[in-house]
Amino acid sequence: MHRIRLNGPIDFEGFRRAARRLLALGARPDEVSWRTGEEAPTLWDVVDEVSDVEPSLLDANPPDDVPATLRVPADFLRLCQATLLHQDPQRFDLLYRLLWRLQQDGGRWDPLDPERRRAEQWAREVRHEIHKMHAFVRFVPVQDDDGERHVAWFEPVHHIVEAASPFFARRFANMRWAILSPRCSVSWDGRQLHWGPGARRDQAPTPDAGASLWLTYYRSIFNPARLKIAMMEKEMPRRYWANLPEAALIEPLIAEAAERTQSMIAAEPTAPRRIRAMRGVRRPA
């Protein structure tokens, strides 16, 4: 049994190097166990792992029996990079099985393969989560030794913080900010991203006075006549509500929606106001 210990839950390069060596050894998928440090300790973590792939064989210059290239479709690399960010603990096993079969089948990619379809579904879920992080992070300004910094708390389901953070570096390039999450934290100093350990929810700042302005705006743009709860929950899933200031208004606004809609229907129509032409401004011919 080959027990591969990766350097964390998103160690793509470690997975790629280990997979190449395992294929050269002829290791079948059912002979490989992948560990990332997320799992509960087992007996195998305290015994001499004599069957592990040696780290010296995983460097950039593998021995002669490791194939220089692997036969994979062009989109397999992108699929791996996205799928390995998923939270499912079987993601490494799934991708190694796909890679094993690709080598056995000469690199041919079956579009109806159920495991390929599962990997593609996981990749879509990861991309969807990245999109939601871009949309639902809410920064709060705080003061530190260097002045003002904007800090946010986010709890992703998948391992996406590293993949999603460059967006914020581009979007808020002139602002010092930090995003805290349970697994890791990231900060931007105006020049580069810095990574740190995970944090707790109580380490994040509470909403500031600016949040009340945002809530006033959110309340004012809410149109009860266009309320579609199912669509709203699809675009803004409930699991994100705990970290969104505006979520506190959703339930009351939904409860008032029917009454406000009836009031709008019963109200007398108003005549449009005439706009007086400004003096000195010629009307178009």
Protein backbone atom coordinates (compact mmCIF):
# COMPACT_ATOMS: atom_id res chain seq x y z
CA MET A 1 0.00 0.00 0.00
CA HIS A 2 1.38 3.40 -0.98
CA ARG A 3 0.46 6.08 1.57
CA ILE A 4 1.03 9.54 0.11
CA ARG A 5 1.10 12.47 2.52
CA LEU A 6 0.54 15.75 0.68
CA ASN A 7 1.48 19.19 1.91
CA GLY A 8 -2.03 20.31 2.82
CA PRO A 9 -5.47 20.00 1.22
CA ILE A 10 -4.67 21.90 -2.02
CA ASP A 11 -1.20 20.54 -2.80
CA PHE A 12 -1.63 20.24 -6.55
CA GLU A 13 2.08 20.07 -7.35
CA GLY A 14 2.62 17.37 -4.73
CA PHE A 15 -0.25 15.37 -6.19
CA ARG A 16 1.12 15.69 -9.71
CA ARG A 17 4.64 14.61 -8.74
CA ALA A 18 3.39 11.70 -6.64
CA ALA A 19 0.98 10.57 -9.37
CA ARG A 20 3.78 10.45 -11.96
CA ARG A 21 5.95 8.35 -9.65
CA LEU A 22 3.07 6.04 -8.73
CA LEU A 23 2.27 5.44 -12.39
CA ALA A 24 5.92 4.58 -13.04
CA LEU A 25 5.74 2.06 -10.19
CA GLY A 26 2.57 0.57 -11.66
CA ALA A 27 0.60 1.42 -8.50
CA ARG A 28 -3.08 0.71 -9.05
CA PRO A 29 -5.60 3.20 -7.60
CA ASP A 30 -6.75 0.68 -4.96
CA GLU A 31 -3.13 0.45 -3.75
CA VAL A 32 -2.81 4.18 -2.99
CA SER A 33 -3.97 6.15 0.05
CA TRP A 34 -3.84 9.95 -0.06
CA ARG A 35 -3.54 12.04 3.09
CA THR A 36 -3.57 15.84 3.40
CA GLY A 37 -3.51 16.44 7.16
CA GLU A 38 -7.28 17.02 7.32
CA GLU A 39 -8.02 13.43 8.31
CA ALA A 40 -8.26 12.05 11.82
CA PRO A 41 -4.98 10.33 12.87
CA THR A 42 -4.80 6.60 12.25
CA LEU A 43 -2.44 3.79 13.25
CA TRP A 44 -0.54 4.32 10.00
CA ASP A 45 0.45 7.84 11.11
CA VAL A 46 2.58 6.50 13.95
CA VAL A 47 4.20 3.45 12.35
CA ASP A 48 7.18 3.28 10.04
CA GLU A 49 5.70 3.96 6.60
CA VAL A 50 8.16 1.83 4.67
CA SER A 51 5.91 1.72 1.60
CA ASP A 52 5.60 5.49 1.18
CA VAL A 53 6.86 7.10 -2.01
CA GLU A 54 10.20 8.59 -1.05
CA PRO A 55 10.32 12.44 -1.22
CA SER A 56 13.62 12.23 -3.12
CA LEU A 57 11.73 10.59 -5.99
CA LEU A 58 9.20 13.42 -6.23
CA ASP A 59 11.50 16.24 -7.29
CA ALA A 60 11.72 17.99 -10.65
CA ASN A 61 14.29 15.46 -11.94
CA PRO A 62 12.68 12.05 -11.48
CA PRO A 63 14.58 8.83 -12.21
CA ASP A 64 14.66 7.27 -15.66
CA ASP A 65 11.73 4.93 -15.03
CA VAL A 66 9.33 7.86 -14.57
CA PRO A 67 7.68 8.80 -17.88
CA ALA A 68 8.66 12.27 -19.08
CA THR A 69 5.09 12.98 -20.15
CA LEU A 70 1.70 11.54 -19.38
CA ARG A 71 -0.97 11.01 -22.01
CA VAL A 72 -3.85 13.19 -20.87
CA PRO A 73 -6.38 15.38 -22.71
CA ALA A 74 -5.71 19.11 -22.80
CA ASP A 75 -8.48 19.90 -20.33
CA PHE A 76 -7.48 17.30 -17.72
CA LEU A 77 -4.98 19.63 -16.04
CA ARG A 78 -7.61 22.37 -15.61
CA LEU A 79 -10.06 19.77 -14.29
CA CYS A 80 -7.50 18.63 -11.70
CA GLN A 81 -6.72 22.16 -10.56
CA ALA A 82 -10.38 22.92 -9.90
CA THR A 83 -11.46 19.52 -8.56
CA LEU A 84 -8.65 19.37 -5.98
CA LEU A 85 -10.14 22.49 -4.32
CA HIS A 86 -13.34 20.59 -3.52
CA GLN A 87 -14.03 19.61 0.08
CA ASP A 88 -14.76 15.94 -0.67
CA PRO A 89 -12.00 13.82 0.96
CA GLN A 90 -12.10 11.36 -1.98
CA ARG A 91 -11.04 13.95 -4.59
CA PHE A 92 -7.42 12.74 -4.84
CA ASP A 93 -8.51 9.11 -5.16
CA LEU A 94 -10.99 10.06 -7.90
CA LEU A 95 -8.46 11.99 -9.97
CA TYR A 96 -5.79 9.33 -9.64
CA ARG A 97 -8.29 6.71 -10.86
CA LEU A 98 -9.07 8.91 -13.87
CA LEU A 99 -5.37 9.43 -14.55
CA TRP A 100 -4.69 5.70 -14.24
CA ARG A 101 -7.42 4.82 -16.74
CA LEU A 102 -6.24 7.49 -19.16
CA GLN A 103 -2.81 5.84 -19.22
CA GLN A 104 -4.37 2.40 -19.72
CA ASP A 105 -6.58 3.71 -22.55
CA GLY A 106 -3.90 5.66 -24.39
CA GLY A 107 -5.10 9.06 -23.22
CA ARG A 108 -8.63 8.68 -24.61
CA TRP A 109 -11.23 10.69 -22.67
CA ASP A 110 -14.71 9.16 -22.42
CA PRO A 111 -17.22 12.04 -22.13
CA LEU A 112 -19.79 9.69 -20.53
CA ASP A 113 -17.47 8.26 -17.90
CA PRO A 114 -19.42 8.60 -14.61
CA GLU A 115 -16.28 9.43 -12.61
CA ARG A 116 -15.25 12.07 -15.12
CA ARG A 117 -18.74 13.56 -14.81
CA ARG A 118 -18.42 13.54 -11.03
CA ALA A 119 -15.08 15.37 -11.22
CA GLU A 120 -16.60 17.92 -13.59
CA GLN A 121 -19.50 18.44 -11.18
CA TRP A 122 -17.08 19.05 -8.32
CA ALA A 123 -15.13 21.51 -10.48
CA ARG A 124 -18.36 23.41 -11.23
CA GLU A 125 -19.17 23.55 -7.52
CA VAL A 126 -15.71 24.97 -6.82
CA ARG A 127 -16.05 27.65 -9.52
CA HIS A 128 -19.52 28.51 -8.18
CA GLU A 129 -18.11 28.90 -4.67
CA ILE A 130 -15.35 31.20 -5.94
CA HIS A 131 -17.99 33.35 -7.64
CA LYS A 132 -20.00 33.50 -4.39
CA MET A 133 -16.93 34.52 -2.41
CA HIS A 134 -16.32 37.37 -4.83
CA ALA A 135 -19.93 38.49 -4.34
CA PHE A 136 -20.46 37.99 -0.60
CA VAL A 137 -17.29 39.15 1.13
CA ARG A 138 -18.09 42.23 3.27
CA PHE A 139 -15.18 44.33 4.53
CA VAL A 140 -15.24 46.31 7.77
CA PRO A 141 -12.70 49.13 8.33
CA VAL A 142 -10.50 48.81 11.43
CA GLN A 143 -7.52 50.77 12.71
CA ASP A 144 -4.12 49.19 13.23
CA ASP A 145 -0.56 50.49 13.68
CA ASP A 146 -0.30 51.35 9.98
CA GLY A 147 -3.66 53.11 9.67
CA GLU A 148 -6.90 51.82 8.23
CA ARG A 149 -7.30 48.21 7.15
CA HIS A 150 -10.47 46.55 5.84
CA VAL A 151 -11.13 43.11 7.31
CA ALA A 152 -13.70 40.49 6.29
CA TRP A 153 -14.79 37.06 7.51
CA PHE A 154 -15.77 34.31 5.07
CA GLU A 155 -16.57 30.61 5.60
CA PRO A 156 -16.21 28.73 2.30
CA VAL A 157 -17.35 25.16 1.93
CA HIS A 158 -14.47 24.31 -0.42
CA HIS A 159 -10.76 25.15 -0.31
CA ILE A 160 -11.04 28.26 -2.48
CA VAL A 161 -9.50 31.15 -0.52
CA GLU A 162 -6.18 30.99 -2.39
CA ALA A 163 -7.88 30.74 -5.78
CA ALA A 164 -10.35 33.56 -5.08
CA SER A 165 -7.98 36.07 -3.46
CA PRO A 166 -6.24 37.49 -6.58
CA PHE A 167 -9.62 38.95 -7.58
CA PHE A 168 -9.63 41.11 -4.43
CA ALA A 169 -6.01 42.14 -5.01
CA ARG A 170 -7.02 43.49 -8.43
CA ARG A 171 -10.34 44.95 -7.30
CA PHE A 172 -8.99 46.69 -4.19
CA ALA A 173 -5.39 47.25 -5.23
CA ASN A 174 -5.11 50.58 -3.36
CA MET A 175 -6.71 49.35 -0.14
CA ARG A 176 -5.09 47.41 2.71
CA TRP A 177 -7.34 44.46 3.47
CA ALA A 178 -7.49 41.02 5.04
CA ILE A 179 -9.88 38.08 4.70
CA LEU A 180 -10.14 35.67 7.62
CA SER A 181 -11.42 32.12 7.21
CA PRO A 182 -11.29 28.94 9.31
CA ARG A 183 -8.54 27.21 7.27
CA CYS A 184 -6.33 30.14 6.29
CA SER A 185 -6.20 33.91 6.12
CA VAL A 186 -4.95 36.27 3.43
CA SER A 187 -3.96 39.93 3.54
CA TRP A 188 -2.97 42.52 0.95
CA ASP A 189 -0.49 45.30 1.77
CA GLY A 190 -0.89 47.18 -1.49
CA ARG A 191 1.90 45.24 -3.22
CA GLN A 192 1.50 41.51 -2.60
CA LEU A 193 -0.63 38.87 -0.92
CA HIS A 194 0.40 37.36 2.41
CA TRP A 195 -0.90 34.05 3.75
CA GLY A 196 -1.48 33.15 7.37
CA PRO A 197 -3.18 30.55 9.57
CA GLY A 198 -6.90 30.20 9.96
CA ALA A 199 -8.93 32.33 12.34
CA ARG A 200 -12.06 32.16 14.48
CA ARG A 201 -15.29 33.99 13.80
CA ASP A 202 -14.92 36.05 16.98
CA GLN A 203 -11.60 37.44 15.70
CA ALA A 204 -13.40 39.23 12.87
CA PRO A 205 -14.58 42.83 13.46
CA THR A 206 -18.24 43.57 14.04
CA PRO A 207 -20.18 45.65 11.47
CA ASP A 208 -19.35 49.36 11.60
CA ALA A 209 -21.49 52.47 11.18
CA GLY A 210 -21.19 52.19 7.42
CA ALA A 211 -23.22 48.98 7.55
CA SER A 212 -26.32 50.99 8.50
CA LEU A 213 -25.99 53.01 5.29
CA TRP A 214 -25.75 49.79 3.29
CA LEU A 215 -28.85 48.44 5.05
CA THR A 216 -30.76 51.63 4.27
CA TYR A 217 -29.80 51.30 0.61
CA TYR A 218 -30.71 47.59 0.53
CA ARG A 219 -34.10 48.32 2.11
CA SER A 220 -34.81 51.12 -0.36
CA ILE A 221 -34.12 49.04 -3.48
CA PHE A 222 -36.19 46.06 -2.31
CA ASN A 223 -39.18 45.67 -4.65
CA PRO A 224 -41.86 43.42 -3.09
CA ALA A 225 -43.71 43.09 -6.40
CA ARG A 226 -40.70 41.33 -7.93
CA LEU A 227 -39.95 39.02 -5.02
CA LYS A 228 -39.03 35.45 -6.05
CA ILE A 229 -37.87 33.65 -2.93
CA ALA A 230 -36.62 30.49 -4.66
CA MET A 231 -34.55 32.51 -7.11
CA MET A 232 -33.21 34.74 -4.34
CA GLU A 233 -32.10 31.73 -2.28
CA LYS A 234 -30.45 30.22 -5.36
CA GLU A 235 -28.41 33.38 -5.94
CA MET A 236 -27.86 34.05 -2.22
CA PRO A 237 -27.91 30.65 -0.44
CA ARG A 238 -28.91 30.73 3.22
CA ARG A 239 -25.56 29.39 4.37
CA TYR A 240 -24.02 32.79 3.49
CA TRP A 241 -26.60 34.83 5.40
CA ALA A 242 -24.82 34.68 8.75
CA ASN A 243 -21.97 36.82 7.36
CA LEU A 244 -24.07 39.29 5.33
CA PRO A 245 -25.31 42.44 7.12
CA GLU A 246 -28.27 42.74 4.77
CA ALA A 247 -29.43 39.21 5.62
CA ALA A 248 -30.98 40.55 8.84
CA LEU A 249 -33.50 42.43 6.66
CA ILE A 250 -34.48 39.56 4.38
CA GLU A 251 -37.01 37.80 6.61
CA PRO A 252 -38.81 41.03 7.67
CA LEU A 253 -38.92 42.28 4.07
CA ILE A 254 -40.32 38.95 2.86
CA ALA A 255 -42.95 39.04 5.61
CA GLU A 256 -44.00 42.56 4.57
CA ALA A 257 -43.86 41.90 0.82
CA ALA A 258 -47.49 40.82 0.30
CA GLU A 259 -48.89 43.76 2.26
CA ARG A 260 -46.63 46.26 0.50
CA THR A 261 -47.56 44.84 -2.90
CA GLN A 262 -51.28 45.18 -2.15
CA SER A 263 -50.72 48.76 -0.99
CA MET A 264 -48.93 49.57 -4.24
CA ILE A 265 -51.82 48.07 -6.27
CA ALA A 266 -54.49 49.91 -4.24
CA ALA A 267 -52.74 53.28 -4.38
CA GLU A 268 -54.18 55.93 -6.68
CA PRO A 269 -52.16 56.49 -9.82
CA THR A 270 -50.06 59.63 -9.79
CA ALA A 271 -49.88 62.01 -12.72
CA PRO A 272 -46.43 62.46 -14.20
CA ARG A 273 -44.84 65.78 -13.43
CA ARG A 274 -44.01 68.04 -16.31
CA ILE A 275 -40.38 68.97 -16.57
CA ARG A 276 -39.99 72.63 -17.40
CA ALA A 277 -37.44 73.40 -20.06
CA MET A 278 -34.44 75.30 -18.81
CA ARG A 279 -34.02 78.79 -20.16
CA GLY A 280 -31.31 79.16 -22.72
CA VAL A 281 -31.42 75.49 -23.68
CA ARG A 282 -32.69 74.92 -27.22
CA ARG A 283 -34.86 71.94 -27.93
CA PRO A 284 -33.63 69.63 -30.69
CA ALA A 285 -35.28 70.22 -34.07
